[in-house]
């Protein structure tokens, strides 16, 4: 007996339904014919899905690798961000206060009013062609400011630069006597024309491991007490701070490192009278230097063992490594530099108000009142961190820059007598080591003294 069975196959057709097929029992088994053309295994779909799975697995593996790499890189990125943030911190003022924001009319008016007052005071004492010219220029600037208040169309940066120039011009004639450049005829020749190779080369007496400090010959031309003395002031604490100065009575004693006397001007390296940075100069019988963590200049009297000080003028005077000498490598805590020349004492530094550019202030010691005073201040357009060092000569500030490990060069000059600047100088300075801690001019013998990473070098200057 033939028995037909209805069998259900689970094969999927194109329409998604199962295929029903009739079968016949034969020899204890079921025989049926299936038309395979009616259904087929979705090979193409399977291959497509398989390819997608493989692609997803590859993408997932790549993503896992990226996540792992990012996880490992995050601490390094955080450290780099922190480092860059710390390095950029001193320049935040450029965005918030000075270079990239408009100068307020109120502040501009206040500065102009002060300038007018100074000029009136000068004009009553000294009425000449220069003061009359300055009066006209200040009057024109006042007209520009008044127009600005009405129409706000005047270029404020141009006005601010004009104000800086006029302020420098007023400073140049405010208290400078007619013989401001002194009786030294070589000063009238103009700028320095040449600098010799080192005429003196010596390792610092405390050892060349003390890479930062200052040295030279006593710089006051009419001094009697320490006329021919030489001095060395090493920064023995972290190459930043010091509290002693060593004085030799003669050049021969200095070269032989004998017959010296050590003076202690602060009881510790954290005292208010401690020297900070390579900033010292021996002028007469007193050491002038930058006071510990402040905007002050200190005067230590070698005879009386007393310290007097004065605060430098300016908005946001840089100290505590805010505006050190740099170029490529920064000389730590070289923010404030004290220099001497034919006209006396000077302080070189930078301020937030002058956008980190160099500021020159003249220092005067009043022996009767026993006070240290700042009499004049000039603002330059030279960014302090773009120079390796600076010094004064004949009332002119000269700045240097790094050339290579064995050479710097004088490239810039700012004349306080005229307010003019020259950035086209090329005067090479040979070195024996890379870093320059200090560079000071001496008006007695017209020599430059460099503290060169523990080496003491001297050069002859020619006009």
Protein backbone atom coordinates (compact mmCIF):
# COMPACT_ATOMS: atom_id res chain seq x y z
CA UNK A 1 0.00 0.00 0.00
CA UNK A 2 1.27 3.22 -1.05
CA UNK A 3 1.28 5.75 1.64
CA UNK A 4 1.75 9.35 0.83
CA UNK A 5 3.15 11.47 3.50
CA UNK A 6 3.22 15.17 3.76
CA UNK A 7 6.61 16.33 4.81
CA UNK A 8 7.50 19.83 5.92
CA UNK A 9 10.89 21.18 5.10
CA UNK A 10 12.21 24.25 6.90
CA UNK A 11 13.99 25.55 3.85
CA UNK A 12 13.17 29.19 3.22
CA UNK A 13 11.94 30.27 -0.17
CA UNK A 14 12.28 33.67 -1.67
CA UNK A 15 8.82 34.58 -0.39
CA UNK A 16 9.85 33.56 3.12
CA UNK A 17 7.47 30.48 3.37
CA UNK A 18 8.28 26.75 3.90
CA UNK A 19 8.01 24.31 0.94
CA UNK A 20 5.55 21.37 1.24
CA UNK A 21 6.55 18.17 -0.68
CA UNK A 22 4.68 14.81 -1.13
CA UNK A 23 6.68 11.65 -0.35
CA UNK A 24 6.25 7.85 -0.86
CA UNK A 25 7.15 5.13 1.64
CA UNK A 26 9.38 2.53 0.12
CA UNK A 27 11.56 -0.13 1.76
CA UNK A 28 10.91 1.37 5.19
CA UNK A 29 12.08 4.73 4.03
CA UNK A 30 10.55 7.87 2.67
CA UNK A 31 11.25 8.85 -0.89
CA UNK A 32 10.35 12.24 -2.28
CA UNK A 33 11.32 14.53 -5.03
CA UNK A 34 12.24 18.10 -4.20
CA UNK A 35 12.55 20.79 -6.80
CA UNK A 36 15.71 22.61 -5.67
CA UNK A 37 15.07 25.41 -8.07
CA UNK A 38 12.22 26.52 -5.82
CA UNK A 39 14.59 27.44 -2.93
CA UNK A 40 18.32 27.95 -2.33
CA UNK A 41 20.73 28.78 0.53
CA UNK A 42 21.34 32.61 0.65
CA UNK A 43 25.04 32.33 -0.13
CA UNK A 44 25.46 35.91 -1.33
CA UNK A 45 23.70 37.31 1.72
CA UNK A 46 25.81 35.06 3.94
CA UNK A 47 29.02 36.25 2.32
CA UNK A 48 27.89 39.87 2.60
CA UNK A 49 27.05 39.47 6.29
CA UNK A 50 30.33 37.60 6.89
CA UNK A 51 32.28 40.44 5.25
CA UNK A 52 30.44 42.97 7.41
CA UNK A 53 31.25 40.94 10.53
CA UNK A 54 34.91 40.77 9.57
CA UNK A 55 34.93 44.51 8.87
CA UNK A 56 33.31 45.21 12.21
CA UNK A 57 35.83 42.99 13.97
CA UNK A 58 38.68 44.90 12.26
CA UNK A 59 37.14 48.27 13.13
CA UNK A 60 36.59 47.17 16.71
CA UNK A 61 40.19 46.00 17.02
CA UNK A 62 41.45 49.28 15.56
CA UNK A 63 39.20 51.24 17.91
CA UNK A 64 40.47 49.25 20.87
CA UNK A 65 44.04 50.00 19.84
CA UNK A 66 43.23 53.72 19.51
CA UNK A 67 41.59 53.75 22.94
CA UNK A 68 44.63 52.04 24.44
CA UNK A 69 46.98 54.46 22.70
CA UNK A 70 44.91 57.43 23.84
CA UNK A 71 44.83 56.13 27.40
CA UNK A 72 48.63 55.82 27.40
CA UNK A 73 49.07 59.22 25.75
CA UNK A 74 46.72 61.19 28.01
CA UNK A 75 49.24 61.67 30.87
CA UNK A 76 51.86 62.91 28.37
CA UNK A 77 49.34 65.29 26.79
CA UNK A 78 48.28 66.55 30.21
CA UNK A 79 51.93 67.17 31.09
CA UNK A 80 52.51 69.03 27.81
CA UNK A 81 49.41 71.17 28.34
CA UNK A 82 50.52 71.99 31.87
CA UNK A 83 54.00 72.86 30.64
CA UNK A 84 52.73 75.09 27.83
CA UNK A 85 50.23 76.73 30.18
CA UNK A 86 52.98 77.50 32.66
CA UNK A 87 55.21 78.90 29.92
CA UNK A 88 52.42 81.04 28.50
CA UNK A 89 51.29 82.33 31.88
CA UNK A 90 53.69 85.32 31.88
CA UNK A 91 52.24 86.40 28.53
CA UNK A 92 48.58 86.42 29.53
CA UNK A 93 48.80 90.15 30.03
CA UNK A 94 49.22 90.50 26.26
CA UNK A 95 45.64 89.36 25.88
CA UNK A 96 44.11 90.81 29.02
CA UNK A 97 45.83 94.15 29.52
CA UNK A 98 48.06 95.44 26.79
CA UNK A 99 48.93 94.43 23.30
CA UNK A 100 45.71 92.89 22.05
CA UNK A 101 43.14 95.13 23.75
CA UNK A 102 42.33 98.73 23.10
CA UNK A 103 43.80 101.23 25.50
CA UNK A 104 40.98 102.88 27.43
CA UNK A 105 40.46 106.57 26.77
CA UNK A 106 40.40 107.24 30.47
CA UNK A 107 43.84 105.72 31.02
CA UNK A 108 45.15 107.49 27.94
CA UNK A 109 43.81 110.79 29.20
CA UNK A 110 45.44 110.28 32.60
CA UNK A 111 48.84 109.55 31.06
CA UNK A 112 48.53 112.54 28.76
CA UNK A 113 47.61 114.83 31.66
CA UNK A 114 50.66 113.70 33.60
CA UNK A 115 52.81 114.25 30.52
CA UNK A 116 51.43 117.78 30.14
CA UNK A 117 52.18 118.55 33.80
CA UNK A 118 55.76 117.32 33.46
CA UNK A 119 56.25 119.34 30.30
CA UNK A 120 54.89 122.54 31.92
CA UNK A 121 57.31 122.11 34.83
CA UNK A 122 60.22 121.66 32.41
CA UNK A 123 59.11 124.55 30.22
CA UNK A 124 59.23 126.98 33.14
CA UNK A 125 62.85 126.03 33.83
CA UNK A 126 64.14 125.43 30.33
CA UNK A 127 62.54 127.28 27.42
CA UNK A 128 64.24 126.25 24.21
CA UNK A 129 63.47 124.89 20.77
CA UNK A 130 63.21 121.28 21.97
CA UNK A 131 60.71 121.99 24.76
CA UNK A 132 58.62 124.19 22.42
CA UNK A 133 58.56 121.37 19.85
CA UNK A 134 57.48 118.87 22.50
CA UNK A 135 54.71 121.24 23.64
CA UNK A 136 53.34 121.39 20.09
CA UNK A 137 53.45 117.59 19.72
CA UNK A 138 51.70 117.04 23.05
CA UNK A 139 49.06 119.61 22.05
CA UNK A 140 48.47 117.74 18.80
CA UNK A 141 48.14 114.47 20.70
CA UNK A 142 45.56 116.09 23.01
CA UNK A 143 43.55 117.13 19.95
CA UNK A 144 43.71 113.55 18.64
CA UNK A 145 42.40 112.20 21.94
CA UNK A 146 39.55 114.68 21.98
CA UNK A 147 38.60 113.72 18.42
CA UNK A 148 38.78 110.08 19.44
CA UNK A 149 36.28 110.67 22.22
CA UNK A 150 33.87 112.11 19.65
CA UNK A 151 34.35 109.86 16.62
CA UNK A 152 36.49 106.95 17.90
CA UNK A 153 38.25 106.77 14.53
CA UNK A 154 41.88 107.44 15.52
CA UNK A 155 44.16 104.42 15.53
CA UNK A 156 44.70 103.88 19.24
CA UNK A 157 47.87 101.84 18.84
CA UNK A 158 49.43 104.62 16.82
CA UNK A 159 48.45 107.13 19.49
CA UNK A 160 49.87 104.91 22.21
CA UNK A 161 53.19 104.56 20.37
CA UNK A 162 53.31 108.32 19.90
CA UNK A 163 52.65 108.76 23.62
CA UNK A 164 55.53 106.38 24.47
CA UNK A 165 57.88 108.38 22.24
CA UNK A 166 56.84 111.70 23.78
CA UNK A 167 57.20 110.32 27.31
CA UNK A 168 60.74 109.19 26.48
CA UNK A 169 61.52 112.60 25.00
CA UNK A 170 60.27 114.34 28.14
CA UNK A 171 62.35 112.00 30.31
CA UNK A 172 65.42 112.80 28.22
CA UNK A 173 65.21 116.52 28.93
CA UNK A 174 63.42 116.58 32.31
CA UNK A 175 66.40 116.43 34.66
CA UNK A 176 69.38 115.74 32.42
CA UNK A 177 71.97 118.53 32.58
CA UNK A 178 73.47 119.98 29.43
CA UNK A 179 76.57 117.83 29.90
CA UNK A 180 74.50 114.64 30.33
CA UNK A 181 77.01 112.65 28.30
CA UNK A 182 79.74 113.91 30.63
CA UNK A 183 83.12 115.27 29.70
CA UNK A 184 84.12 112.09 27.92
CA UNK A 185 84.79 113.03 24.35
CA UNK A 186 84.57 109.44 23.10
CA UNK A 187 80.87 109.44 23.98
CA UNK A 188 80.30 112.13 21.33
CA UNK A 189 81.70 109.82 18.64
CA UNK A 190 78.47 107.86 18.60
CA UNK A 191 77.77 104.19 19.23
CA UNK A 192 80.29 101.46 19.98
CA UNK A 193 82.00 100.38 16.78
CA UNK A 194 84.01 97.34 17.87
CA UNK A 195 84.61 94.96 20.76
CA UNK A 196 87.91 93.11 21.15
CA UNK A 197 88.50 89.45 21.81
CA UNK A 198 88.66 88.60 25.54
CA UNK A 199 91.61 90.39 27.15
CA UNK A 200 91.07 88.57 30.45
CA UNK A 201 89.98 84.97 30.93
CA UNK A 202 89.79 83.44 34.38
CA UNK A 203 87.81 80.79 36.23
CA UNK A 204 85.63 82.26 38.97
CA UNK A 205 87.43 82.12 42.34
CA UNK A 206 84.59 80.09 43.90
CA UNK A 207 84.88 77.51 41.11
CA UNK A 208 83.29 77.13 37.68
CA UNK A 209 80.45 75.07 39.16
CA UNK A 210 78.90 78.38 40.18
CA UNK A 211 77.63 79.23 36.73
CA UNK A 212 75.70 82.39 37.63
CA UNK A 213 76.86 85.66 39.15
CA UNK A 214 78.50 88.96 38.24
CA UNK A 215 81.92 90.55 38.46
CA UNK A 216 84.01 93.50 37.34
CA UNK A 217 86.02 96.52 38.33
CA UNK A 218 84.63 99.17 40.68
CA UNK A 219 82.69 101.46 38.30
CA UNK A 220 82.49 104.92 39.92
CA UNK A 221 84.90 107.20 38.07
CA UNK A 222 85.53 109.67 40.91
CA UNK A 223 85.62 107.09 43.70
CA UNK A 224 88.46 107.31 46.21
CA UNK A 225 87.88 104.40 48.57
CA UNK A 226 87.67 101.47 46.12
CA UNK A 227 89.19 103.09 43.05
CA UNK A 228 91.14 100.14 41.62
CA UNK A 229 89.30 97.28 43.30
CA UNK A 230 87.82 94.23 41.58
CA UNK A 231 84.89 92.23 42.84
CA UNK A 232 83.09 88.93 42.29
CA UNK A 233 79.53 88.13 43.38
CA UNK A 234 78.59 84.45 42.88
CA UNK A 235 75.05 83.11 43.21
CA UNK A 236 75.84 80.12 45.39
CA UNK A 237 72.29 79.04 46.26
CA UNK A 238 70.57 77.36 43.32
CA UNK A 239 72.40 79.72 40.90
CA UNK A 240 69.75 82.28 41.93
CA UNK A 241 70.57 83.79 45.32
CA UNK A 242 73.66 84.98 47.14
CA UNK A 243 74.57 86.99 50.24
CA UNK A 244 78.28 87.77 49.93
CA UNK A 245 80.59 89.77 47.66
CA UNK A 246 84.36 89.27 47.41
CA UNK A 247 86.54 92.35 46.87
CA UNK A 248 90.19 92.51 45.75
CA UNK A 249 92.11 95.76 46.13
CA UNK A 250 94.14 95.36 42.94
CA UNK A 251 93.95 93.61 39.57
CA UNK A 252 97.05 91.59 40.48
CA UNK A 253 95.40 90.30 43.66
CA UNK A 254 92.30 89.41 41.66
CA UNK A 255 94.23 87.43 39.04
CA UNK A 256 96.23 85.61 41.75
CA UNK A 257 93.12 85.11 43.94
CA UNK A 258 94.87 86.51 47.02
CA UNK A 259 94.34 89.36 49.51
CA UNK A 260 90.57 89.44 49.24
CA UNK A 261 87.84 90.42 51.66
CA UNK A 262 84.37 88.89 51.79
CA UNK A 263 81.41 91.09 52.75
CA UNK A 264 78.13 89.56 53.93
CA UNK A 265 75.10 91.75 53.21
CA UNK A 266 72.34 89.31 54.24
CA UNK A 267 72.21 86.74 57.08
CA UNK A 268 70.61 84.04 54.87
CA UNK A 269 69.63 83.20 51.30
CA UNK A 270 65.99 84.05 51.99
CA UNK A 271 66.49 87.37 53.77
CA UNK A 272 64.96 90.54 52.26
CA UNK A 273 68.49 91.88 51.60
CA UNK A 274 69.63 88.78 49.70
CA UNK A 275 70.65 89.32 46.08
CA UNK A 276 68.41 87.67 43.47
CA UNK A 277 69.76 86.95 40.01
CA UNK A 278 73.04 88.03 38.39
CA UNK A 279 72.34 91.73 38.90
CA UNK A 280 75.13 93.30 40.94
CA UNK A 281 77.56 96.14 40.31
CA UNK A 282 80.13 97.67 42.69
CA UNK A 283 79.88 101.43 42.41
CA UNK A 284 82.19 103.35 44.74
CA UNK A 285 81.97 101.82 48.18
CA UNK A 286 78.55 100.24 47.70
CA UNK A 287 77.14 97.17 45.96
CA UNK A 288 73.91 97.77 44.03
CA UNK A 289 71.74 94.77 43.18
CA UNK A 290 68.22 93.33 42.81
CA UNK A 291 66.64 92.61 46.21
CA UNK A 292 65.18 89.20 47.09
CA UNK A 293 61.75 88.52 45.51
CA UNK A 294 60.78 92.14 45.03
CA UNK A 295 60.73 95.00 42.54
CA UNK A 296 63.38 96.80 44.63
CA UNK A 297 67.00 97.78 44.06
CA UNK A 298 69.24 97.42 47.12
CA UNK A 299 72.34 99.44 48.01
CA UNK A 300 74.76 97.73 50.39
CA UNK A 301 77.35 100.06 51.95
CA UNK A 302 80.67 98.26 52.42
CA UNK A 303 81.74 100.69 55.16
CA UNK A 304 78.62 100.92 57.31
CA UNK A 305 77.23 97.46 56.52
CA UNK A 306 73.77 98.98 55.94
CA UNK A 307 71.25 98.39 53.15
CA UNK A 308 68.97 100.98 51.52
CA UNK A 309 66.44 100.28 48.78
CA UNK A 310 64.12 101.83 46.22
CA UNK A 311 61.15 100.36 44.34
CA UNK A 312 61.32 100.51 40.56
CA UNK A 313 58.50 102.39 38.78
CA UNK A 314 56.10 100.83 36.30
CA UNK A 315 52.93 98.75 36.12
CA UNK A 316 53.72 95.14 36.95
CA UNK A 317 57.51 95.24 37.29
CA UNK A 318 58.75 91.75 36.43
CA UNK A 319 60.64 89.76 39.04
CA UNK A 320 60.81 86.17 40.34
CA UNK A 321 61.66 84.90 36.85
CA UNK A 322 58.77 86.64 35.06
CA UNK A 323 60.89 88.52 32.50
CA UNK A 324 64.41 87.03 32.51
CA UNK A 325 67.00 87.40 29.77
CA UNK A 326 66.36 84.55 27.32
CA UNK A 327 66.76 84.44 23.56
CA UNK A 328 67.08 80.61 23.33
CA UNK A 329 67.82 79.57 26.92
CA UNK A 330 66.63 81.71 29.80
CA UNK A 331 69.03 82.80 32.52
CA UNK A 332 66.93 82.07 35.58
CA UNK A 333 65.85 85.06 37.70
CA UNK A 334 67.70 87.62 35.58
CA UNK A 335 64.62 89.89 35.61
CA UNK A 336 66.27 93.03 36.99
CA UNK A 337 69.76 94.14 36.00
CA UNK A 338 71.79 96.96 37.58
CA UNK A 339 74.38 98.66 35.34
CA UNK A 340 76.81 101.59 35.51
CA UNK A 341 78.37 103.93 32.94
CA UNK A 342 79.77 107.45 32.57
CA UNK A 343 76.48 108.95 33.75
CA UNK A 344 75.92 106.85 36.84
CA UNK A 345 73.69 103.93 37.74
CA UNK A 346 70.88 102.30 35.80
CA UNK A 347 68.27 99.57 36.25
CA UNK A 348 67.21 97.47 33.26
CA UNK A 349 64.00 95.46 33.58
CA UNK A 350 60.59 94.81 31.97
CA UNK A 351 57.04 95.60 32.99
CA UNK A 352 53.56 94.31 32.21
CA UNK A 353 52.56 97.88 31.35
CA UNK A 354 55.23 97.97 28.63
CA UNK A 355 54.20 94.52 27.32
CA UNK A 356 57.36 92.79 28.59
CA UNK A 357 59.63 95.19 26.70
CA UNK A 358 62.80 96.55 28.29
CA UNK A 359 62.53 99.57 30.57
CA UNK A 360 65.50 101.77 31.52
CA UNK A 361 65.49 103.68 34.82
CA UNK A 362 68.20 106.00 36.10
CA UNK A 363 69.27 105.57 39.76
CA UNK A 364 70.74 108.32 41.93
CA UNK A 365 72.14 108.00 45.47
CA UNK A 366 71.49 111.03 47.66
CA UNK A 367 74.38 110.96 50.14
CA UNK A 368 72.95 113.74 52.30
CA UNK A 369 69.50 112.23 52.71
CA UNK A 370 70.95 108.71 52.44
CA UNK A 371 68.21 107.65 50.02
CA UNK A 372 68.29 105.80 46.71
CA UNK A 373 66.04 107.39 44.10
CA UNK A 374 64.77 106.77 40.56
CA UNK A 375 64.94 110.04 38.60
CA UNK A 376 63.99 109.05 35.04
CA UNK A 377 62.46 106.14 33.17
CA UNK A 378 62.40 105.25 29.46
CA UNK A 379 60.32 102.55 27.74
CA UNK A 380 61.75 100.67 24.76
CA UNK A 381 60.09 98.43 22.16
CA UNK A 382 62.58 95.58 22.64
CA UNK A 383 61.05 92.45 24.20
CA UNK A 384 63.29 91.49 27.12
CA UNK A 385 62.95 87.74 26.60
CA UNK A 386 64.27 88.20 23.06
CA UNK A 387 67.73 89.27 24.28
CA UNK A 388 70.48 87.34 26.06
CA UNK A 389 71.79 90.33 28.08
CA UNK A 390 72.17 94.11 28.13
CA UNK A 391 74.47 96.87 29.42
CA UNK A 392 74.80 100.68 29.48
CA UNK A 393 77.53 102.88 27.99
CA UNK A 394 77.46 106.67 27.54
CA UNK A 395 73.74 106.73 28.34
CA UNK A 396 73.02 104.15 25.63
CA UNK A 397 71.53 100.76 26.38
CA UNK A 398 73.01 97.94 24.30
CA UNK A 399 71.37 94.50 24.01
CA UNK A 400 72.91 91.18 22.93
CA UNK A 401 71.57 88.00 21.40
CA UNK A 402 72.77 84.42 21.17
CA UNK A 403 74.58 83.37 17.97
CA UNK A 404 76.04 80.01 18.97
CA UNK A 405 77.65 78.33 21.99
CA UNK A 406 80.83 80.39 21.52
CA UNK A 407 79.49 83.70 20.32
CA UNK A 408 76.92 86.35 21.18
CA UNK A 409 76.52 89.68 19.40
CA UNK A 410 75.45 93.20 20.25
CA UNK A 411 72.55 93.94 17.89
CA UNK A 412 70.50 96.74 19.44
CA UNK A 413 71.02 100.19 20.97
CA UNK A 414 68.65 102.63 22.66
CA UNK A 415 69.90 106.18 23.31
CA UNK A 416 68.33 107.74 26.41
CA UNK A 417 69.54 111.19 25.32
CA UNK A 418 67.46 111.14 22.13
CA UNK A 419 64.96 108.29 22.60
CA UNK A 420 66.14 106.77 19.31
CA UNK A 421 66.95 103.13 18.73
CA UNK A 422 69.12 101.15 16.33
CA UNK A 423 68.64 97.41 15.75
CA UNK A 424 71.16 97.01 12.94
CA UNK A 425 74.34 96.53 15.02
CA UNK A 426 76.55 93.49 14.50
CA UNK A 427 79.25 93.47 17.19
CA UNK A 428 80.45 89.93 18.02
CA UNK A 429 81.31 88.80 21.55
CA UNK A 430 83.42 85.65 21.83
CA UNK A 431 82.67 83.25 24.70
CA UNK A 432 84.22 80.12 26.19
CA UNK A 433 80.89 78.66 27.35
CA UNK A 434 77.28 78.85 26.19
CA UNK A 435 75.49 80.80 28.91
CA UNK A 436 75.90 84.50 29.74
CA UNK A 437 74.85 85.31 33.30
CA UNK A 438 75.80 88.99 33.34
CA UNK A 439 77.42 91.61 31.11
CA UNK A 440 78.54 94.97 32.52
CA UNK A 441 80.40 97.98 31.14
CA UNK A 442 83.04 99.88 33.12
CA UNK A 443 83.53 103.58 32.25
CA UNK A 444 86.99 103.82 33.89
CA UNK A 445 88.79 101.52 31.44
CA UNK A 446 85.99 101.12 28.86
CA UNK A 447 85.87 97.35 29.30
CA UNK A 448 83.01 94.85 29.27
CA UNK A 449 82.87 92.20 32.01
CA UNK A 450 81.07 88.93 31.30
CA UNK A 451 80.19 86.17 33.77
CA UNK A 452 80.21 83.24 31.34
CA UNK A 453 78.98 80.07 33.09
CA UNK A 454 81.70 80.19 35.76
CA UNK A 455 84.31 81.88 33.53
CA UNK A 456 85.20 85.56 33.96
CA UNK A 457 85.87 87.35 30.66
CA UNK A 458 86.80 90.98 29.93
CA UNK A 459 86.70 92.83 26.57
CA UNK A 460 87.96 96.19 25.36
CA UNK A 461 85.33 98.51 23.88
CA UNK A 462 86.05 100.93 21.00
CA UNK A 463 84.01 103.94 19.87
